[in-house]
Amino acid sequence: GRDKTALWEFNTRTKKFGEIVYARNDVNVGGTRFHSNPWTNPDTIVGVSYRTDKLHVEYFDPVEAATYAQLEGLVPEAYQVYITSRSRDGQTLTVYNVGPRDPGSYYLIKDGAMKAIGSKQPLLKSEDLADVRYIDWKARDGMTIHGYLTVPKGEGPFPLIVLPHGGPFVSETVVYDEWSQMLANNGYLVLQPQYRGSTNFGQAYYQSAFINGGQGGYKMQDDKDDGALYLVEEGLADKDRIALFGWSYGGYAALVAASRTPQIHQCVIAGAAVSDTLMQVAYYSDRMRGAQEVEQLNMWRDSVNPIKEADKVNVPILLIHGDVDQRVPPAHVRKYLDELDKYNKSYKYVELEGADHFSNTLFFRHQIELYTSMIDFLKNDCGPGGL
């Protein structure tokens, strides 16, 4: 009966709920945290987590709370600190930290001293990475939208890249994000909007994307555009230097943006994009049941379908697709390219040989090709004078 997910007592014998243990009015409860020493405290819940600007944990156990607070005071660039393992006596620990200025580092605490073990990306220096801010703005219909802003070095207004997450029905908390950091390192302000349909902000927020008709290309797209315009009003973004880059659903959003009027973007980059919504949902419609069927069919049967809007494209497009993409098959991009050719639209296309759909399946060679093609396109082909 609540809009936001909460942590409840539940009696496994009577199959009845008891009291609410922890709840919030702004976001869903994300999960629980277990004791850092499973030798002495197996299966012991010590806290509950939620995500706003970052992952937060409300501890029930004061000793665990103090332990993590002490670690956060010791670890360089502490942001999200985890105890990954611990000796039986509790005195020896391995610790992991990750954050906007730390791609991921491991530490050993033993005999009262802390020693760095290694980093996931040791060639990257914290001082060269960008900070992330948590912001909010009002969409044109009055709904409050949150987002993460990766801010490059220097003074604004900056050229802006809007980077919507895939899904769309997922929750995103930006910690260390390689794509936004890469773009910020090249001088771009990066906005990652948590548009309606994102799943951290309660049931009504999530369902508003589809329950009264699919809002893909409509209110969901307004949320992204309104975030960009808010940054222009705040003096952080240059109104004549805005682009949208997305992957999967984000790629779909990029194709929608390319055909929008009025147009606020100078160009778009569409990665692994769903270009034909009805073709995509047909791949799995026979396997959907219950809530998923309501969600997917309500969302996609009347959201904007990019393949039907190719004649309206009014900005340069860079399309990128893996040639063995199993989630959004290459048929999508090839079908869309045919439509662009049909209407004599300008575009560039990069096919990643041997690449599948998700970003964590891209090998080093794919990343090099992806990043270099993106930066070259933004500098040289993104509207008059580039971005």
Protein backbone atom coordinates (compact mmCIF):
# COMPACT_ATOMS: atom_id res chain seq x y z
CA GLY A 1 0.00 0.00 0.00
CA ARG A 2 3.00 2.34 -0.04
CA ASP A 3 4.45 4.24 -2.99
CA LYS A 4 8.06 3.68 -1.92
CA THR A 5 9.69 0.33 -1.16
CA ALA A 6 10.26 -0.16 2.59
CA LEU A 7 11.94 -2.69 4.87
CA TRP A 8 9.35 -4.69 6.80
CA GLU A 9 9.23 -7.35 9.45
CA PHE A 10 7.84 -10.61 8.11
CA ASN A 11 6.86 -13.70 10.09
CA THR A 12 7.80 -16.76 8.03
CA ARG A 13 5.55 -19.04 10.10
CA THR A 14 2.35 -17.01 9.95
CA LYS A 15 3.18 -15.46 6.54
CA LYS A 16 2.21 -12.05 7.86
CA PHE A 17 3.90 -8.68 7.77
CA GLY A 18 4.76 -6.95 11.03
CA GLU A 19 6.04 -3.40 11.50
CA ILE A 20 7.91 -1.21 9.07
CA VAL A 21 11.58 -1.30 10.08
CA TYR A 22 12.74 1.52 7.79
CA ALA A 23 11.11 3.67 5.11
CA ARG A 24 11.69 6.95 3.30
CA ASN A 25 9.42 9.42 1.55
CA ASP A 26 11.91 10.45 -1.16
CA VAL A 27 13.32 7.18 -2.56
CA ASN A 28 12.94 3.43 -2.28
CA VAL A 29 14.81 1.42 0.29
CA GLY A 30 17.50 -0.28 -1.75
CA GLY A 31 18.44 -3.27 0.38
CA THR A 32 20.17 -4.41 3.53
CA ARG A 33 23.79 -4.58 4.62
CA PHE A 34 25.15 -7.64 6.39
CA HIS A 35 27.77 -7.69 9.13
CA SER A 36 31.34 -7.31 7.85
CA ASN A 37 32.50 -10.36 9.80
CA PRO A 38 30.51 -13.41 8.68
CA TRP A 39 32.68 -15.67 10.88
CA THR A 40 31.31 -14.23 14.11
CA ASN A 41 28.05 -12.74 12.87
CA PRO A 42 26.73 -14.92 10.05
CA ASP A 43 23.60 -13.69 8.23
CA THR A 44 23.34 -10.69 10.54
CA ILE A 45 21.70 -7.58 9.10
CA VAL A 46 23.36 -4.44 10.46
CA GLY A 47 21.92 -1.72 8.25
CA VAL A 48 19.58 -0.65 5.49
CA SER A 49 20.62 1.16 2.32
CA TYR A 50 19.14 3.77 0.00
CA ARG A 51 20.44 5.78 -2.92
CA THR A 52 20.19 9.51 -3.54
CA ASP A 53 23.39 11.41 -4.36
CA LYS A 54 25.22 8.15 -3.54
CA LEU A 55 24.67 4.92 -1.62
CA HIS A 56 23.84 5.64 2.01
CA VAL A 57 23.57 3.11 4.83
CA GLU A 58 21.59 3.63 8.03
CA TYR A 59 23.19 1.27 10.57
CA PHE A 60 21.36 -0.60 13.32
CA ASP A 61 24.71 -1.70 14.76
CA PRO A 62 26.77 1.17 16.25
CA VAL A 63 30.05 -0.78 16.08
CA GLU A 64 29.65 -1.43 12.34
CA ALA A 65 28.71 2.21 11.84
CA ALA A 66 31.84 3.33 13.67
CA THR A 67 34.01 0.86 11.74
CA TYR A 68 32.85 2.20 8.38
CA ALA A 69 33.15 5.82 9.56
CA GLN A 70 36.75 5.14 10.58
CA LEU A 71 37.53 3.54 7.21
CA GLU A 72 36.04 6.50 5.36
CA GLY A 73 38.47 8.70 7.28
CA LEU A 74 41.44 6.55 6.26
CA VAL A 75 40.84 5.62 2.62
CA PRO A 76 41.98 8.19 0.03
CA GLU A 77 39.10 9.68 -1.99
CA ALA A 78 36.66 7.66 0.14
CA TYR A 79 33.21 7.54 -1.46
CA GLN A 80 31.68 4.08 -1.35
CA VAL A 81 33.74 1.94 0.98
CA TYR A 82 33.14 -1.81 1.37
CA ILE A 83 34.75 -4.37 3.63
CA THR A 84 35.13 -7.25 1.19
CA SER A 85 36.58 -9.81 3.62
CA ARG A 86 37.63 -10.04 7.26
CA SER A 87 39.57 -12.44 9.44
CA ARG A 88 37.87 -14.40 12.20
CA ASP A 89 39.35 -12.14 14.89
CA GLY A 90 38.19 -9.08 12.96
CA GLN A 91 41.61 -7.43 12.95
CA THR A 92 42.62 -8.06 9.31
CA LEU A 93 40.43 -6.66 6.52
CA THR A 94 40.42 -6.18 2.79
CA VAL A 95 38.66 -2.98 1.80
CA TYR A 96 37.39 -1.69 -1.54
CA ASN A 97 36.60 1.93 -2.45
CA VAL A 98 35.02 3.36 -5.57
CA GLY A 99 33.90 6.89 -6.42
CA PRO A 100 33.99 9.64 -9.04
CA ARG A 101 37.70 10.21 -8.32
CA ASP A 102 38.56 6.54 -7.74
CA PRO A 103 37.76 3.95 -10.42
CA GLY A 104 38.18 1.25 -7.77
CA SER A 105 40.99 0.61 -5.26
CA TYR A 106 41.76 -2.24 -2.87
CA TYR A 107 43.44 -1.97 0.52
CA LEU A 108 44.71 -4.39 3.16
CA ILE A 109 44.43 -3.47 6.83
CA LYS A 110 46.66 -5.64 8.99
CA ASP A 111 48.54 -5.13 12.26
CA GLY A 112 47.02 -1.69 12.61
CA ALA A 113 48.37 -0.43 9.27
CA MET A 114 46.71 0.13 5.89
CA LYS A 115 48.44 -0.86 2.67
CA ALA A 116 47.29 -0.21 -0.89
CA ILE A 117 46.93 -3.46 -2.84
CA GLY A 118 46.05 -2.07 -6.26
CA SER A 119 43.66 -0.12 -8.46
CA LYS A 120 41.32 -1.16 -11.24
CA GLN A 121 42.70 1.67 -13.39
CA PRO A 122 46.10 2.64 -11.95
CA LEU A 123 46.99 4.96 -14.84
CA LEU A 124 44.16 7.34 -13.91
CA LYS A 125 44.99 9.95 -11.29
CA SER A 126 42.30 11.23 -8.93
CA GLU A 127 43.18 14.85 -9.64
CA ASP A 128 42.44 14.30 -13.34
CA LEU A 129 38.94 12.97 -12.69
CA ALA A 130 35.74 15.00 -12.28
CA ASP A 131 33.36 15.47 -9.39
CA VAL A 132 29.70 14.42 -9.61
CA ARG A 133 26.83 16.53 -8.29
CA TYR A 134 23.27 15.40 -7.54
CA ILE A 135 20.76 17.93 -8.86
CA ASP A 136 17.05 18.27 -9.53
CA TRP A 137 14.82 20.34 -11.78
CA LYS A 138 11.16 20.78 -12.66
CA ALA A 139 9.89 19.19 -15.85
CA ARG A 140 7.46 21.24 -17.90
CA ASP A 141 4.48 19.40 -16.35
CA GLY A 142 5.74 20.15 -12.83
CA MET A 143 7.24 16.78 -11.96
CA THR A 144 10.56 16.92 -10.09
CA ILE A 145 13.36 15.09 -11.92
CA HIS A 146 16.74 14.23 -10.40
CA GLY A 147 20.02 13.73 -12.17
CA TYR A 148 23.78 13.42 -11.84
CA LEU A 149 26.09 16.10 -13.20
CA THR A 150 29.73 15.33 -14.00
CA VAL A 151 31.56 18.65 -14.10
CA PRO A 152 34.78 19.15 -16.11
CA LYS A 153 37.61 21.38 -15.01
CA GLY A 154 37.39 25.07 -15.88
CA GLU A 155 34.62 27.63 -15.87
CA GLY A 156 31.18 27.31 -17.49
CA PRO A 157 29.16 27.57 -19.51
CA PHE A 158 30.37 24.22 -20.87
CA PRO A 159 29.31 22.22 -23.89
CA LEU A 160 26.77 19.70 -22.58
CA ILE A 161 26.25 16.00 -23.25
CA VAL A 162 22.94 14.56 -22.00
CA LEU A 163 23.58 10.88 -21.22
CA PRO A 164 20.36 8.98 -20.34
CA HIS A 165 20.69 5.48 -18.90
CA GLY A 166 19.44 2.40 -20.69
CA GLY A 167 16.53 0.30 -19.51
CA PRO A 168 14.51 2.43 -19.22
CA PHE A 169 12.98 0.78 -16.14
CA VAL A 170 16.10 0.58 -13.99
CA SER A 171 17.72 2.57 -11.22
CA GLU A 172 21.01 4.38 -11.79
CA THR A 173 23.29 5.80 -9.13
CA VAL A 174 26.36 7.40 -10.66
CA VAL A 175 29.54 6.46 -8.80
CA TYR A 176 32.53 6.00 -11.13
CA ASP A 177 31.09 6.17 -14.63
CA GLU A 178 33.68 5.63 -17.34
CA TRP A 179 31.69 7.25 -20.14
CA SER A 180 30.85 10.44 -18.26
CA GLN A 181 34.41 10.72 -16.94
CA MET A 182 35.81 10.27 -20.45
CA LEU A 183 33.54 13.02 -21.76
CA ALA A 184 34.32 15.34 -18.84
CA ASN A 185 38.03 14.75 -19.42
CA ASN A 186 37.46 16.11 -22.93
CA GLY A 187 35.78 19.25 -21.58
CA TYR A 188 32.10 18.26 -21.65
CA LEU A 189 29.56 18.75 -18.90
CA VAL A 190 27.60 15.49 -18.60
CA LEU A 191 24.01 15.20 -17.34
CA GLN A 192 22.65 11.75 -16.48
CA PRO A 193 18.90 12.34 -15.94
CA GLN A 194 16.79 9.99 -13.87
CA TYR A 195 13.78 10.55 -16.11
CA ARG A 196 10.32 9.25 -15.21
CA GLY A 197 10.23 5.48 -15.47
CA SER A 198 13.45 5.17 -13.44
CA THR A 199 12.79 2.79 -10.58
CA ASN A 200 14.32 4.39 -7.46
CA PHE A 201 11.65 7.01 -6.87
CA GLY A 202 8.54 5.02 -6.06
CA GLN A 203 5.76 3.25 -7.91
CA ALA A 204 3.93 6.32 -9.22
CA TYR A 205 7.12 7.79 -10.69
CA TYR A 206 7.99 4.50 -12.38
CA GLN A 207 4.47 3.87 -13.70
CA SER A 208 4.05 7.43 -14.99
CA ALA A 209 6.17 6.39 -17.97
CA PHE A 210 3.60 3.91 -19.28
CA ILE A 211 0.44 3.50 -17.18
CA ASN A 212 -1.56 6.08 -19.15
CA GLY A 213 0.16 5.47 -22.49
CA GLY A 214 3.82 5.14 -23.37
CA GLN A 215 5.80 8.33 -22.73
CA GLY A 216 8.87 7.36 -24.76
CA GLY A 217 9.56 10.39 -26.93
CA TYR A 218 6.98 12.44 -25.03
CA LYS A 219 7.22 13.23 -21.29
CA MET A 220 10.26 11.00 -20.82
CA GLN A 221 12.03 13.00 -23.52
CA ASP A 222 10.80 16.29 -22.05
CA ASP A 223 12.47 15.32 -18.77
CA LYS A 224 15.83 15.10 -20.53
CA ASP A 225 15.39 18.31 -22.54
CA ASP A 226 14.15 20.22 -19.50
CA GLY A 227 17.24 19.13 -17.57
CA ALA A 228 19.47 20.52 -20.33
CA LEU A 229 17.51 23.79 -20.44
CA TYR A 230 17.75 24.06 -16.63
CA LEU A 231 21.55 23.86 -16.88
CA VAL A 232 21.49 26.60 -19.52
CA GLU A 233 19.42 28.79 -17.18
CA GLU A 234 21.90 28.12 -14.37
CA GLY A 235 24.79 29.27 -16.57
CA LEU A 236 26.47 25.87 -16.54
CA ALA A 237 25.68 24.82 -20.12
CA ASP A 238 25.99 26.64 -23.45
CA LYS A 239 22.59 26.68 -25.16
CA ASP A 240 24.22 26.39 -28.59
CA ARG A 241 26.42 23.44 -27.65
CA ILE A 242 24.16 20.59 -26.50
CA ALA A 243 24.25 16.96 -27.66
CA LEU A 244 22.65 13.70 -26.54
CA PHE A 245 24.50 10.39 -26.31
CA GLY A 246 22.84 7.19 -25.19
CA TRP A 247 23.08 3.41 -25.37
CA SER A 248 20.23 0.89 -25.76
CA TYR A 249 17.15 2.78 -24.51
CA GLY A 250 19.49 5.79 -24.34
CA GLY A 251 20.26 5.18 -28.01
CA TYR A 252 16.53 5.13 -28.67
CA ALA A 253 16.28 8.49 -26.87
CA ALA A 254 19.07 9.82 -29.11
CA LEU A 255 17.14 8.83 -32.25
CA VAL A 256 14.03 10.49 -30.85
CA ALA A 257 16.05 13.63 -30.09
CA ALA A 258 17.37 13.72 -33.66
CA SER A 259 13.85 14.22 -35.02
CA ARG A 260 12.47 16.60 -32.38
CA THR A 261 11.08 20.04 -33.02
CA PRO A 262 11.87 22.48 -31.50
CA GLN A 263 15.41 21.16 -31.53
CA ILE A 264 17.80 21.93 -28.67
CA HIS A 265 20.61 19.54 -29.70
CA GLN A 266 23.39 20.17 -32.20
CA CYS A 267 23.86 16.41 -32.80
CA VAL A 268 23.17 12.99 -31.29
CA ILE A 269 25.12 9.77 -30.79
CA ALA A 270 22.97 6.62 -30.77
CA GLY A 271 24.63 3.46 -29.48
CA ALA A 272 22.97 0.03 -29.75
CA ALA A 273 19.75 1.92 -30.35
CA VAL A 274 16.24 0.50 -30.55
CA SER A 275 15.13 2.02 -33.85
CA ASP A 276 11.86 0.10 -34.25
CA THR A 277 10.01 -0.23 -30.95
CA LEU A 278 7.40 -2.66 -32.28
CA MET A 279 10.04 -4.94 -33.79
CA GLN A 280 11.94 -4.98 -30.50
CA VAL A 281 8.97 -5.82 -28.28
CA ALA A 282 7.89 -8.52 -30.75
CA TYR A 283 11.12 -10.43 -30.00
CA TYR A 284 9.86 -11.32 -26.51
CA SER A 285 6.14 -10.49 -26.37
CA ASP A 286 5.16 -14.17 -26.35
CA ARG A 287 7.15 -14.70 -23.13
CA MET A 288 5.75 -11.78 -21.15
CA ARG A 289 3.25 -12.25 -18.37
CA GLY A 290 1.65 -10.11 -15.68
CA ALA A 291 3.23 -6.81 -14.69
CA GLN A 292 5.99 -7.08 -17.29
CA GLU A 293 3.44 -7.42 -20.06
CA VAL A 294 1.54 -4.36 -18.80
CA GLU A 295 4.78 -2.39 -18.57
CA GLN A 296 6.23 -3.34 -21.95
CA LEU A 297 3.09 -3.27 -24.09
CA ASN A 298 1.75 -0.06 -22.54
CA MET A 299 5.15 1.56 -22.98
CA TRP A 300 5.96 0.63 -26.55
CA ARG A 301 2.71 0.36 -28.45
CA ASP A 302 2.20 4.12 -28.52
CA SER A 303 5.58 5.70 -27.64
CA VAL A 304 7.38 7.49 -30.46
CA ASN A 305 8.83 4.96 -32.92
CA PRO A 306 12.10 6.33 -34.42
CA ILE A 307 11.83 4.31 -37.64
CA LYS A 308 8.67 6.28 -38.42
CA GLU A 309 10.41 9.61 -37.72
CA ALA A 310 13.53 9.29 -39.88
CA ASP A 311 12.19 11.80 -42.40
CA LYS A 312 12.16 14.42 -39.62
CA VAL A 313 15.83 14.05 -38.62
CA ASN A 314 17.28 17.57 -38.42
CA VAL A 315 20.73 17.18 -36.78
CA PRO A 316 23.84 15.09 -37.56
CA ILE A 317 23.78 11.52 -36.21
CA LEU A 318 26.56 9.12 -35.26
CA LEU A 319 25.24 5.56 -35.01
CA ILE A 320 27.25 2.83 -33.27
CA HIS A 321 26.27 -0.83 -33.05
CA GLY A 322 27.92 -4.16 -32.24
CA ASP A 323 27.63 -6.65 -35.06
CA VAL A 324 26.74 -9.51 -32.66
CA ASP A 325 24.37 -7.55 -30.41
CA GLN A 326 21.93 -10.08 -28.96
CA ARG A 327 19.67 -7.69 -27.02
CA VAL A 328 19.10 -5.15 -29.81
CA PRO A 329 20.10 -7.01 -32.97
CA PRO A 330 21.94 -5.18 -35.79
CA ALA A 331 18.74 -5.39 -37.83
CA HIS A 332 17.67 -2.26 -35.94
CA VAL A 333 20.52 -0.06 -37.12
CA ARG A 334 20.49 -1.44 -40.66
CA LYS A 335 16.78 -0.79 -40.98
CA TYR A 336 17.25 2.76 -39.69
CA LEU A 337 20.21 3.44 -42.00
CA ASP A 338 18.03 2.44 -44.96
CA GLU A 339 15.48 5.03 -43.86
CA LEU A 340 18.16 7.73 -43.49
CA ASP A 341 19.41 6.94 -46.99
CA LYS A 342 15.88 7.04 -48.32
CA TYR A 343 15.49 10.62 -47.08
CA ASN A 344 19.07 11.70 -47.90
CA LYS A 345 19.94 12.38 -44.26
CA SER A 346 23.53 12.92 -43.16
CA TYR A 347 25.01 10.42 -40.70
CA LYS A 348 28.09 8.48 -39.72
CA TYR A 349 28.06 4.81 -38.78
CA VAL A 350 30.56 2.76 -36.77
CA GLU A 351 30.12 -1.00 -36.49
CA LEU A 352 31.98 -2.65 -33.62
CA GLU A 353 33.16 -6.02 -34.87
CA GLY A 354 32.52 -8.79 -32.37
CA ALA A 355 30.77 -6.49 -29.88
CA ASP A 356 27.66 -7.54 -27.98
CA HIS A 357 25.11 -5.21 -26.41
CA PHE A 358 26.11 -4.29 -22.86
CA SER A 359 28.96 -1.88 -22.19
CA ASN A 360 30.72 -4.35 -19.91
CA THR A 361 31.06 -6.74 -22.87
CA LEU A 362 33.07 -4.23 -24.91
CA PHE A 363 36.71 -5.21 -25.21
CA PHE A 364 39.58 -2.71 -25.19
CA ARG A 365 39.60 -2.49 -28.99
CA HIS A 366 35.88 -1.68 -28.95
CA GLN A 367 36.37 1.03 -26.33
CA ILE A 368 39.18 2.67 -28.30
CA GLU A 369 37.08 2.68 -31.47
CA LEU A 370 34.00 3.90 -29.60
CA TYR A 371 35.71 6.73 -27.75
CA THR A 372 37.82 8.01 -30.62
CA SER A 373 34.87 8.00 -33.02
CA MET A 374 32.69 9.83 -30.49
CA ILE A 375 35.22 12.56 -29.71
CA ASP A 376 36.05 13.05 -33.38
CA PHE A 377 32.36 13.33 -34.23
CA LEU A 378 31.67 15.80 -31.41
CA LYS A 379 34.66 17.98 -32.34
CA ASN A 380 34.22 17.96 -36.10
CA ASP A 381 30.68 16.98 -37.12
CA CYS A 382 28.36 18.12 -34.33
CA GLY A 383 26.67 21.12 -35.86
CA PRO A 384 28.38 24.32 -37.02
CA GLY A 385 31.87 24.50 -35.53
CA GLY A 386 31.46 21.23 -33.61
CA LEU A 387 30.74 20.81 -29.93
